[in-house]
Protein backbone atom coordinates (compact mmCIF):
# COMPACT_ATOMS: atom_id res chain seq x y z
CA MET A 1 5.90 -34.29 -8.24
CA VAL A 2 3.07 -32.85 -6.20
CA GLN A 3 1.44 -34.36 -3.15
CA CYS A 4 -2.29 -35.11 -3.16
CA GLU A 5 -3.97 -32.81 -0.63
CA MET A 6 -6.39 -35.59 0.37
CA CYS A 7 -4.32 -38.73 0.81
CA GLY A 8 -0.74 -37.48 0.52
CA THR A 9 0.41 -39.67 -2.36
CA GLU A 10 2.82 -38.25 -4.93
CA THR A 11 1.17 -37.47 -8.26
CA ALA A 12 2.59 -36.06 -11.49
CA SER A 13 -0.66 -34.47 -12.69
CA PRO A 14 -2.91 -33.29 -9.87
CA ASN A 15 -6.58 -32.57 -10.56
CA ARG A 16 -8.29 -29.46 -9.17
CA VAL A 17 -11.42 -30.75 -7.37
CA LYS A 18 -14.01 -29.03 -5.19
CA ILE A 19 -14.72 -31.17 -2.10
CA GLU A 20 -17.11 -29.94 0.61
CA GLY A 21 -16.68 -26.35 -0.60
CA ALA A 22 -12.87 -26.41 -0.64
CA GLU A 23 -10.79 -26.57 -3.81
CA LEU A 24 -7.99 -29.12 -3.53
CA ASN A 25 -5.28 -30.56 -5.79
CA VAL A 26 -5.85 -34.32 -5.61
CA CYS A 27 -4.66 -37.50 -7.31
CA ASP A 28 -6.74 -39.56 -9.76
CA GLU A 29 -8.06 -41.87 -7.01
CA CYS A 30 -9.34 -38.98 -4.86
CA THR A 31 -11.00 -37.16 -7.77
CA ASP A 32 -14.18 -39.20 -7.19
CA PHE A 33 -14.75 -37.48 -3.80
CA GLY A 34 -15.69 -34.15 -5.37
CA THR A 35 -16.48 -32.30 -8.56
CA GLU A 36 -13.75 -31.26 -10.96
CA VAL A 37 -13.03 -27.57 -11.31
CA LYS A 38 -11.78 -26.28 -14.64
CA THR A 39 -8.37 -24.66 -14.27
CA ASP A 40 -8.92 -22.06 -17.01
CA SER A 41 -11.74 -20.46 -14.93
CA GLY A 42 -9.56 -20.17 -11.82
CA THR A 43 -10.03 -16.43 -11.66
CA SER A 44 -13.82 -16.69 -11.79
CA SER A 45 -13.88 -19.42 -9.15
CA THR A 46 -12.04 -17.20 -6.70
CA SER A 47 -14.26 -14.21 -7.48
CA THR A 48 -17.40 -16.29 -6.87
CA LYS A 49 -16.16 -17.51 -3.52
CA TYR A 50 -19.04 -15.90 -1.63
CA SER A 51 -21.74 -16.29 -4.26
CA THR A 52 -24.32 -19.04 -4.68
CA SER A 53 -23.55 -21.82 -7.10
CA SER A 54 -26.77 -21.29 -9.11
CA SER A 55 -25.74 -17.81 -10.31
CA SER A 56 -21.96 -18.02 -10.21
CA GLY A 57 -21.39 -16.43 -13.61
CA SER A 58 -23.50 -13.33 -13.12
CA SER A 59 -22.57 -12.72 -9.50
CA GLY A 60 -18.89 -13.22 -10.29
CA SER A 61 -18.89 -10.32 -12.71
CA SER A 62 -20.88 -8.15 -10.31
CA SER A 63 -18.51 -8.88 -7.45
CA THR A 64 -15.50 -7.91 -9.55
CA SER A 65 -17.20 -4.71 -10.64
CA SER A 66 -18.07 -3.87 -7.04
CA ASN A 67 -14.48 -4.52 -6.01
CA THR A 68 -13.12 -2.19 -8.68
CA GLY A 69 -15.70 0.41 -7.72
CA GLY A 70 -14.68 0.12 -4.09
CA SER A 71 -10.99 0.50 -4.81
CA SER A 72 -11.49 3.56 -7.01
CA ASP A 73 -13.67 5.09 -4.30
CA GLY A 74 -11.08 4.31 -1.61
CA GLY A 75 -10.50 7.90 -0.51
CA SER A 76 -14.13 8.54 0.42
CA ARG A 77 -14.88 5.14 1.94
CA ARG A 78 -15.22 5.03 5.68
CA ASP A 79 -14.42 2.18 7.98
CA MET A 80 -17.62 0.35 8.90
CA TYR A 81 -16.44 0.08 12.51
CA ASP A 82 -16.37 3.86 12.85
CA GLU A 83 -20.17 4.02 12.74
CA MET A 84 -20.75 1.06 15.03
CA ASP A 85 -21.55 1.46 18.68
CA GLU A 86 -19.39 -0.46 21.14
CA ILE A 87 -20.48 -2.16 24.32
CA ALA A 88 -19.57 0.01 27.29
CA PRO A 89 -16.67 -1.37 29.36
CA ASP A 90 -18.81 -1.23 32.50
CA TYR A 91 -21.87 -2.90 30.93
CA ASP A 92 -22.03 -5.47 33.74
CA GLU A 93 -22.28 -2.80 36.44
CA ARG A 94 -24.86 -0.87 34.42
CA ILE A 95 -27.07 -3.95 34.11
CA ARG A 96 -26.75 -4.88 37.78
CA ASN A 97 -27.38 -1.33 39.04
CA ALA A 98 -30.42 -0.85 36.80
CA ARG A 99 -31.88 -4.21 37.82
CA GLU A 100 -31.37 -3.51 41.51
CA SER A 101 -32.82 0.00 41.25
CA SER A 102 -35.89 -1.52 39.56
CA GLY A 103 -36.25 -3.88 42.51
CA LEU A 104 -36.01 -6.99 40.34
CA THR A 105 -34.18 -10.23 41.00
CA GLN A 106 -32.14 -11.89 38.28
CA GLU A 107 -34.87 -14.47 37.80
CA GLU A 108 -37.61 -11.83 37.53
CA LEU A 109 -35.61 -9.85 34.97
CA ALA A 110 -34.94 -13.01 33.00
CA LYS A 111 -38.65 -13.84 32.95
CA GLN A 112 -39.50 -10.26 31.91
CA LEU A 113 -36.99 -10.41 29.02
CA ASN A 114 -37.87 -14.02 28.13
CA GLU A 115 -34.27 -15.13 28.68
CA LYS A 116 -32.52 -17.55 31.02
CA ALA A 117 -31.53 -16.42 34.50
CA SER A 118 -28.06 -17.89 33.96
CA LEU A 119 -27.55 -15.50 31.05
CA ILE A 120 -28.45 -12.51 33.23
CA ARG A 121 -26.06 -13.82 35.89
CA LYS A 122 -23.22 -14.16 33.36
CA LEU A 123 -23.89 -10.69 31.97
CA GLU A 124 -23.81 -9.14 35.44
CA HIS A 125 -20.54 -10.88 36.27
CA GLY A 126 -19.01 -9.76 32.96
CA GLU A 127 -18.43 -13.34 31.83
CA THR A 128 -20.20 -12.88 28.49
CA LEU A 129 -20.96 -10.02 26.15
CA PRO A 130 -24.59 -9.39 25.22
CA SER A 131 -25.60 -10.05 21.63
CA ASP A 132 -27.33 -7.26 19.76
CA GLU A 133 -30.73 -8.81 20.45
CA ILE A 134 -30.08 -9.23 24.19
CA ARG A 135 -28.55 -5.75 24.37
CA SER A 136 -31.66 -4.16 22.87
CA LYS A 137 -33.92 -6.16 25.22
CA LEU A 138 -31.90 -5.02 28.24
CA GLU A 139 -31.84 -1.40 27.10
CA ARG A 140 -35.63 -1.36 26.62
CA GLY A 141 -36.46 -3.39 29.72
CA LEU A 142 -34.19 -1.52 32.13
CA ASP A 143 -34.18 1.84 30.32
CA ILE A 144 -30.37 2.02 30.17
CA ALA A 145 -27.73 2.52 27.49
CA LEU A 146 -25.15 -0.23 27.14
CA THR A 147 -23.28 1.22 24.17
CA THR A 148 -20.77 3.96 23.64
CA SER A 149 -19.98 5.45 20.25
CA SER A 150 -16.53 4.55 18.98
CA GLY A 151 -15.92 8.10 17.76
CA SER A 152 -15.01 9.16 21.30
CA ASP A 153 -12.16 6.63 21.35
CA ASP A 154 -10.56 8.35 18.36
CA THR A 155 -10.47 11.66 20.20
CA ASP A 156 -8.93 9.96 23.23
CA TRP A 157 -6.09 8.62 21.10
CA SER A 158 -5.40 11.94 19.46
CA SER A 159 -5.36 13.78 22.80
CA ASP A 160 -2.94 11.23 24.29
CA GLN A 161 -0.48 11.76 21.45
CA SER A 162 -0.40 15.52 21.92
CA SER A 163 -0.15 15.39 25.72
CA GLY A 164 3.65 15.53 25.67
CA GLY A 165 4.11 12.63 28.13
CA TYR A 166 7.28 10.61 28.43
CA THR A 167 7.95 7.71 26.12
CA LEU A 168 10.31 4.80 26.58
CA GLY A 169 12.76 6.48 24.20
CA ASP A 170 12.90 9.52 26.49
CA VAL A 171 13.91 7.49 29.52
CA VAL A 172 16.19 4.73 28.20
CA GLU A 173 19.94 5.32 28.06
CA ARG A 174 21.75 3.32 25.41
CA LYS A 175 25.14 1.69 25.93
CA ASP A 176 27.20 2.02 22.75
């Protein structure tokens, strides 16, 4: 016997139902809360997870073909995060220093960027990260760069590994 995923009652033959976008195994009483999903098209329902319901058949086949194309091209694919720029760790100091060197108050900068002064205050204190839109406004308005390319981090890691420093295994003495 299987439990109904809606109400918890034991049922011998659960029905696969889509309720609020989630597919659940439910009892006969809870079937009315959603639309029944055919079990023989289980593979297509998972492949159309991110597609619209109006074109589920055609987008399902295209998503599976794109997945197979992506897996066969796995050697030449690059990580999307490698090309992204990262927010600099000292972004808060960069914003504050640029604002002060421009002779602006937080309120004046906020008015100039059409943003709230509390947001500028939080950014300068490092309490929040700037969104892409805010970041571009700050970079244009204050003529600063708030991003660093992530490629430099990869070189840092590789240079640390070849530095020949001590590891925990070099220092620890085992008792056997």
